[in-house]
Amino acid sequence: MSGSLNFTEIVCAQGSTVMYIFPLLPLAIIFFISMIAETNRTPFDLPEAEAELVAGYNVEYSSIIFAMFFLAEYGNMIMMSIINVELFFGG
């Protein structure tokens, strides 16, 4: 709709017209569902059994490496939220 894949031009195009969430509502819903699946949030996360918690990556990676995994997960959630806002809500 903006004629470009540049985020700056997409945001500027939404400033003069309506936000893209309204005309592209089905696409926004699909993007939101795929965003939740990509970041492994509920209901797309895999529940872990007690035996998997003892032998899983929680035991192998401890301390700062484990913290880096969690920071990477939450960084991915923030980045996907930023992309969602820029594409559909006018920046």
N, C-alpha and C. Protein backbone atom coordinates (compact mmCIF):
# COMPACT_ATOMS: atom_id res chain seq x y z
N MET A 1 0.82 -1.21 0.00
CA MET A 1 0.00 0.00 0.00
C MET A 1 0.85 1.26 0.00
N SER A 2 2.04 1.19 0.57
CA SER A 2 2.90 2.37 0.58
C SER A 2 3.81 2.42 -0.63
N GLY A 3 3.95 1.31 -1.35
CA GLY A 3 4.78 1.28 -2.53
C GLY A 3 6.26 1.09 -2.23
N SER A 4 6.59 0.72 -1.02
CA SER A 4 7.98 0.55 -0.63
C SER A 4 8.07 -0.47 0.48
N LEU A 5 9.26 -1.05 0.65
CA LEU A 5 9.52 -1.94 1.77
C LEU A 5 10.36 -1.26 2.84
N ASN A 6 10.62 0.02 2.66
CA ASN A 6 11.38 0.79 3.62
C ASN A 6 10.46 1.18 4.78
N PHE A 7 10.90 0.89 6.02
CA PHE A 7 10.05 1.17 7.18
C PHE A 7 9.74 2.66 7.31
N THR A 8 10.68 3.50 6.99
CA THR A 8 10.46 4.94 7.08
C THR A 8 9.34 5.39 6.15
N GLU A 9 9.35 4.88 4.93
CA GLU A 9 8.30 5.26 3.98
C GLU A 9 6.96 4.65 4.35
N ILE A 10 6.96 3.46 4.94
CA ILE A 10 5.70 2.85 5.38
C ILE A 10 5.06 3.69 6.49
N VAL A 11 5.88 4.13 7.44
CA VAL A 11 5.36 4.95 8.54
C VAL A 11 4.89 6.30 8.01
N CYS A 12 5.64 6.92 7.11
CA CYS A 12 5.25 8.22 6.55
C CYS A 12 3.97 8.11 5.73
N ALA A 13 3.78 6.99 5.03
CA ALA A 13 2.57 6.81 4.23
C ALA A 13 1.34 6.68 5.13
N GLN A 14 1.51 6.14 6.32
CA GLN A 14 0.38 6.01 7.23
C GLN A 14 0.06 7.32 7.93
N GLY A 15 0.98 8.26 7.93
CA GLY A 15 0.74 9.55 8.57
C GLY A 15 -0.27 10.39 7.82
N SER A 16 -0.29 10.28 6.51
CA SER A 16 -1.20 11.11 5.72
C SER A 16 -2.55 10.44 5.48
N THR A 17 -2.64 9.14 5.69
CA THR A 17 -3.91 8.43 5.48
C THR A 17 -4.27 7.67 6.75
N VAL A 18 -5.13 6.72 6.61
CA VAL A 18 -5.56 5.90 7.74
C VAL A 18 -4.48 4.86 8.06
N MET A 19 -4.41 4.44 9.33
CA MET A 19 -3.45 3.40 9.71
C MET A 19 -3.77 2.13 8.94
N TYR A 20 -2.74 1.34 8.66
CA TYR A 20 -2.92 0.14 7.85
C TYR A 20 -3.63 -0.99 8.59
N ILE A 21 -3.86 -0.84 9.88
CA ILE A 21 -4.55 -1.89 10.62
C ILE A 21 -5.99 -2.03 10.14
N PHE A 22 -6.60 -0.96 9.70
CA PHE A 22 -8.00 -1.02 9.28
C PHE A 22 -8.19 -1.65 7.90
N PRO A 23 -7.50 -1.20 6.87
CA PRO A 23 -7.72 -1.87 5.57
C PRO A 23 -7.06 -3.26 5.48
N LEU A 24 -6.05 -3.50 6.29
CA LEU A 24 -5.32 -4.77 6.23
C LEU A 24 -5.56 -5.62 7.48
N LEU A 25 -6.76 -5.61 8.00
CA LEU A 25 -7.06 -6.32 9.24
C LEU A 25 -6.80 -7.83 9.15
N PRO A 26 -7.20 -8.53 8.08
CA PRO A 26 -6.88 -9.96 8.03
C PRO A 26 -5.36 -10.22 8.03
N LEU A 27 -4.62 -9.41 7.32
CA LEU A 27 -3.16 -9.55 7.30
C LEU A 27 -2.56 -9.26 8.67
N ALA A 28 -3.11 -8.28 9.37
CA ALA A 28 -2.62 -7.94 10.71
C ALA A 28 -2.89 -9.07 11.69
N ILE A 29 -4.03 -9.72 11.57
CA ILE A 29 -4.34 -10.84 12.45
C ILE A 29 -3.40 -12.01 12.18
N ILE A 30 -3.15 -12.31 10.91
CA ILE A 30 -2.23 -13.38 10.55
C ILE A 30 -0.82 -13.06 11.04
N PHE A 31 -0.40 -11.82 10.89
CA PHE A 31 0.93 -11.42 11.36
C PHE A 31 1.02 -11.53 12.88
N PHE A 32 -0.02 -11.15 13.59
CA PHE A 32 0.00 -11.23 15.05
C PHE A 32 0.07 -12.67 15.53
N ILE A 33 -0.68 -13.56 14.89
CA ILE A 33 -0.64 -14.98 15.27
C ILE A 33 0.74 -15.56 14.98
N SER A 34 1.31 -15.24 13.82
CA SER A 34 2.64 -15.75 13.51
C SER A 34 3.70 -15.13 14.41
N MET A 35 3.50 -13.89 14.87
CA MET A 35 4.42 -13.26 15.81
C MET A 35 4.42 -14.00 17.14
N ILE A 36 3.24 -14.38 17.62
CA ILE A 36 3.15 -15.14 18.86
C ILE A 36 3.80 -16.52 18.70
N ALA A 37 3.60 -17.16 17.55
CA ALA A 37 4.20 -18.47 17.32
C ALA A 37 5.72 -18.37 17.22
N GLU A 38 6.22 -17.33 16.60
CA GLU A 38 7.68 -17.17 16.45
C GLU A 38 8.37 -16.92 17.78
N THR A 39 7.70 -16.23 18.68
CA THR A 39 8.33 -15.92 19.97
C THR A 39 8.03 -16.97 21.03
N ASN A 40 7.39 -18.08 20.63
CA ASN A 40 7.11 -19.22 21.52
C ASN A 40 6.30 -18.82 22.74
N ARG A 41 5.28 -18.03 22.55
CA ARG A 41 4.38 -17.66 23.64
C ARG A 41 3.17 -18.57 23.63
N THR A 42 2.38 -18.53 24.69
CA THR A 42 1.18 -19.34 24.81
C THR A 42 0.21 -18.98 23.69
N PRO A 43 -0.41 -19.87 23.01
CA PRO A 43 -0.54 -21.32 23.14
C PRO A 43 0.46 -22.11 22.29
N PHE A 44 1.48 -21.47 21.74
CA PHE A 44 2.41 -22.15 20.87
C PHE A 44 3.65 -22.67 21.59
N ASP A 45 3.78 -22.39 22.87
CA ASP A 45 4.94 -22.89 23.59
C ASP A 45 4.75 -24.37 23.90
N LEU A 46 5.84 -25.08 24.00
CA LEU A 46 5.76 -26.50 24.30
C LEU A 46 5.91 -26.71 25.79
N PRO A 47 4.91 -27.28 26.42
CA PRO A 47 5.05 -27.53 27.86
C PRO A 47 6.12 -28.60 28.10
N GLU A 48 6.85 -28.41 29.17
CA GLU A 48 7.91 -29.35 29.48
C GLU A 48 7.52 -30.20 30.66
N ALA A 49 7.80 -31.49 30.56
CA ALA A 49 7.53 -32.41 31.65
C ALA A 49 8.64 -32.30 32.69
N GLU A 50 8.42 -32.91 33.84
CA GLU A 50 9.40 -32.81 34.91
C GLU A 50 10.72 -33.47 34.53
N ALA A 51 10.66 -34.58 33.79
CA ALA A 51 11.89 -35.26 33.37
C ALA A 51 12.67 -34.40 32.38
N GLU A 52 11.98 -33.64 31.54
CA GLU A 52 12.68 -32.78 30.58
C GLU A 52 13.34 -31.60 31.27
N LEU A 53 12.78 -31.14 32.37
CA LEU A 53 13.40 -30.03 33.09
C LEU A 53 14.72 -30.44 33.74
N VAL A 54 14.80 -31.70 34.14
CA VAL A 54 16.03 -32.18 34.77
C VAL A 54 17.11 -32.41 33.73
N ALA A 55 16.74 -32.86 32.53
CA ALA A 55 17.73 -33.21 31.52
C ALA A 55 17.74 -32.22 30.36
N GLY A 56 17.07 -31.12 30.48
CA GLY A 56 16.98 -30.18 29.36
C GLY A 56 18.10 -29.16 29.35
N TYR A 57 17.90 -28.12 28.59
CA TYR A 57 18.95 -27.10 28.46
C TYR A 57 19.10 -26.28 29.73
N ASN A 58 18.12 -26.34 30.65
CA ASN A 58 18.25 -25.60 31.90
C ASN A 58 19.43 -26.09 32.73
N VAL A 59 19.72 -27.39 32.64
CA VAL A 59 20.83 -27.95 33.40
C VAL A 59 22.15 -27.69 32.70
N GLU A 60 22.15 -27.81 31.37
CA GLU A 60 23.39 -27.69 30.60
C GLU A 60 23.90 -26.25 30.59
N TYR A 61 23.00 -25.31 30.46
CA TYR A 61 23.40 -23.91 30.43
C TYR A 61 22.97 -23.25 31.74
N SER A 62 23.91 -22.84 32.50
CA SER A 62 23.58 -22.18 33.76
C SER A 62 24.20 -20.80 33.78
N SER A 63 23.80 -20.02 34.71
CA SER A 63 24.39 -18.71 34.98
C SER A 63 24.20 -17.76 33.81
N ILE A 64 25.27 -17.19 33.31
CA ILE A 64 25.18 -16.11 32.33
C ILE A 64 24.72 -16.60 30.96
N ILE A 65 25.05 -17.84 30.60
CA ILE A 65 24.61 -18.36 29.30
C ILE A 65 23.10 -18.54 29.30
N PHE A 66 22.55 -19.03 30.40
CA PHE A 66 21.10 -19.17 30.53
C PHE A 66 20.42 -17.81 30.50
N ALA A 67 21.02 -16.83 31.15
CA ALA A 67 20.46 -15.47 31.13
C ALA A 67 20.50 -14.89 29.73
N MET A 68 21.53 -15.20 28.97
CA MET A 68 21.62 -14.70 27.58
C MET A 68 20.51 -15.30 26.71
N PHE A 69 20.18 -16.58 26.94
CA PHE A 69 19.08 -17.18 26.19
C PHE A 69 17.77 -16.44 26.49
N PHE A 70 17.53 -16.14 27.74
CA PHE A 70 16.30 -15.44 28.09
C PHE A 70 16.30 -14.01 27.56
N LEU A 71 17.43 -13.34 27.60
CA LEU A 71 17.51 -11.99 27.03
C LEU A 71 17.27 -12.02 25.53
N ALA A 72 17.77 -13.05 24.86
CA ALA A 72 17.54 -13.17 23.42
C ALA A 72 16.05 -13.40 23.12
N GLU A 73 15.38 -14.21 23.95
CA GLU A 73 13.95 -14.43 23.75
C GLU A 73 13.15 -13.15 23.92
N TYR A 74 13.44 -12.41 24.98
CA TYR A 74 12.69 -11.18 25.21
C TYR A 74 13.09 -10.08 24.23
N GLY A 75 14.32 -10.08 23.77
CA GLY A 75 14.70 -9.15 22.71
C GLY A 75 13.96 -9.43 21.43
N ASN A 76 13.74 -10.71 21.12
CA ASN A 76 12.97 -11.09 19.94
C ASN A 76 11.53 -10.64 20.08
N MET A 77 10.94 -10.75 21.27
CA MET A 77 9.57 -10.28 21.47
C MET A 77 9.46 -8.77 21.27
N ILE A 78 10.42 -8.03 21.77
CA ILE A 78 10.40 -6.57 21.62
C ILE A 78 10.56 -6.19 20.16
N MET A 79 11.47 -6.87 19.45
CA MET A 79 11.68 -6.56 18.04
C MET A 79 10.45 -6.87 17.20
N MET A 80 9.80 -7.99 17.46
CA MET A 80 8.59 -8.32 16.70
C MET A 80 7.47 -7.33 17.00
N SER A 81 7.39 -6.84 18.24
CA SER A 81 6.38 -5.84 18.58
C SER A 81 6.66 -4.52 17.86
N ILE A 82 7.93 -4.15 17.75
CA ILE A 82 8.30 -2.92 17.04
C ILE A 82 7.92 -3.03 15.57
N ILE A 83 8.20 -4.18 14.96
CA ILE A 83 7.85 -4.37 13.55
C ILE A 83 6.34 -4.33 13.36
N ASN A 84 5.59 -4.90 14.28
CA ASN A 84 4.12 -4.88 14.21
C ASN A 84 3.59 -3.45 14.27
N VAL A 85 4.14 -2.65 15.17
CA VAL A 85 3.70 -1.26 15.30
C VAL A 85 4.05 -0.46 14.05
N GLU A 86 5.23 -0.69 13.51
CA GLU A 86 5.64 0.07 12.32
C GLU A 86 4.81 -0.30 11.09
N LEU A 87 4.47 -1.56 10.96
CA LEU A 87 3.73 -1.98 9.77
C LEU A 87 2.26 -1.64 9.81
N PHE A 88 1.63 -1.75 10.98
CA PHE A 88 0.18 -1.64 11.02
C PHE A 88 -0.37 -0.45 11.82
N PHE A 89 0.39 0.10 12.73
CA PHE A 89 -0.15 1.13 13.60
C PHE A 89 0.47 2.51 13.38
N GLY A 90 1.16 2.72 12.29
CA GLY A 90 1.65 4.05 11.94
C GLY A 90 2.92 4.47 12.65
N GLY A 91 3.65 3.56 13.20
CA GLY A 91 4.94 3.89 13.84
C GLY A 91 4.74 4.45 15.18
